[in-house]
Protein backbone atom coordinates (compact mmCIF):
# COMPACT_ATOMS: atom_id res chain seq x y z
CA UNK A 1 26.22 32.13 -39.22
CA UNK A 2 24.51 35.65 -40.46
CA UNK A 3 21.50 36.52 -39.02
CA UNK A 4 19.57 36.22 -42.42
CA UNK A 5 19.97 32.69 -42.32
CA UNK A 6 17.17 33.42 -39.88
CA UNK A 7 15.39 35.84 -41.81
CA UNK A 8 13.10 34.12 -43.61
CA UNK A 9 11.18 37.11 -45.46
CA UNK A 10 14.61 38.38 -47.04
CA UNK A 11 14.30 38.89 -50.93
CA UNK A 12 16.48 37.37 -52.84
CA UNK A 13 18.28 40.28 -53.32
CA UNK A 14 18.40 40.84 -50.24
CA UNK A 15 19.88 37.83 -50.04
CA UNK A 16 22.33 37.96 -52.88
CA UNK A 17 23.56 41.65 -51.60
CA UNK A 18 23.89 40.49 -48.17
CA UNK A 19 25.99 37.68 -48.67
CA UNK A 20 28.11 39.30 -51.05
CA UNK A 21 28.62 42.17 -48.59
CA UNK A 22 29.87 39.48 -46.23
CA UNK A 23 32.47 37.79 -48.43
CA UNK A 24 33.83 41.10 -50.25
CA UNK A 25 33.04 39.57 -53.42
CA UNK A 26 30.52 40.91 -56.35
CA UNK A 27 27.18 39.57 -57.59
CA UNK A 28 28.64 38.64 -60.87
CA UNK A 29 31.49 36.44 -59.19
CA UNK A 30 28.94 35.00 -57.00
CA UNK A 31 26.80 34.11 -59.26
CA UNK A 32 29.24 33.57 -62.31
CA UNK A 33 30.40 30.09 -63.32
CA UNK A 34 34.06 30.93 -61.66
CA UNK A 35 34.92 27.71 -59.25
CA UNK A 36 37.44 29.57 -57.32
CA UNK A 37 37.49 28.17 -53.87
CA UNK A 38 37.06 31.84 -52.54
CA UNK A 39 33.59 32.01 -54.58
CA UNK A 40 32.15 28.54 -53.67
CA UNK A 41 31.35 29.02 -50.06
CA UNK A 42 29.11 31.88 -49.90
CA UNK A 43 27.66 30.32 -53.43
CA UNK A 44 26.32 27.06 -51.30
CA UNK A 45 25.62 29.41 -48.49
CA UNK A 46 23.27 32.04 -50.64
CA UNK A 47 22.24 28.02 -52.07
CA UNK A 48 20.96 26.83 -48.85
CA UNK A 49 20.07 30.25 -47.71
CA UNK A 50 17.23 30.67 -50.42
CA UNK A 51 16.09 27.17 -50.31
CA UNK A 52 15.51 27.69 -46.77
CA UNK A 53 13.70 30.86 -46.96
CA UNK A 54 11.29 28.66 -48.70
CA UNK A 55 10.32 30.99 -51.46
CA UNK A 56 12.71 29.18 -54.37
CA UNK A 57 13.08 25.66 -55.74
CA UNK A 58 16.20 24.15 -56.89
CA UNK A 59 15.28 25.12 -60.39
CA UNK A 60 14.53 28.72 -59.63
CA UNK A 61 17.55 29.39 -57.75
CA UNK A 62 19.93 27.15 -59.74
CA UNK A 63 18.56 30.00 -62.90
CA UNK A 64 19.10 33.26 -60.98
CA UNK A 65 22.96 31.95 -60.99
CA UNK A 66 23.22 31.43 -64.75
CA UNK A 67 21.30 28.74 -65.25
CA UNK A 68 23.45 25.74 -63.49
CA UNK A 69 21.50 22.37 -63.88
CA UNK A 70 19.27 21.82 -60.11
CA UNK A 71 21.78 18.91 -58.96
CA UNK A 72 24.43 21.38 -58.56
CA UNK A 73 22.29 23.50 -56.33
CA UNK A 74 21.71 20.68 -54.22
CA UNK A 75 24.76 19.70 -54.03
CA UNK A 76 25.77 23.33 -52.69
CA UNK A 77 22.85 22.96 -50.48
CA UNK A 78 23.76 19.68 -49.33
CA UNK A 79 27.65 20.38 -48.24
CA UNK A 80 25.40 23.46 -46.64
CA UNK A 81 23.69 21.43 -44.12
CA UNK A 82 26.62 19.21 -42.92
CA UNK A 83 28.71 22.24 -41.56
CA UNK A 84 25.41 23.59 -40.04
CA UNK A 85 25.09 20.47 -38.61
CA UNK A 86 29.18 19.89 -37.27
CA UNK A 87 28.29 23.36 -35.20
């Protein structure tokens, strides 16, 4: 995974912008409600990265991503956790 996972000093804007560049998607695609497979992994990765900086709780991340329910954020974080453990 990218270096932004290791840099806990990144703010939310920097993390979101980097993920959008890496996956070649727009911020509105990343934070929107489209369930297209091409947006799911980057969105979950953003949840995971933001949460693991220690600066953002589930509800705050949920608000950043279009007022999602905090359990949706938790689900995405858990999916990336499983992927990371499998590496």
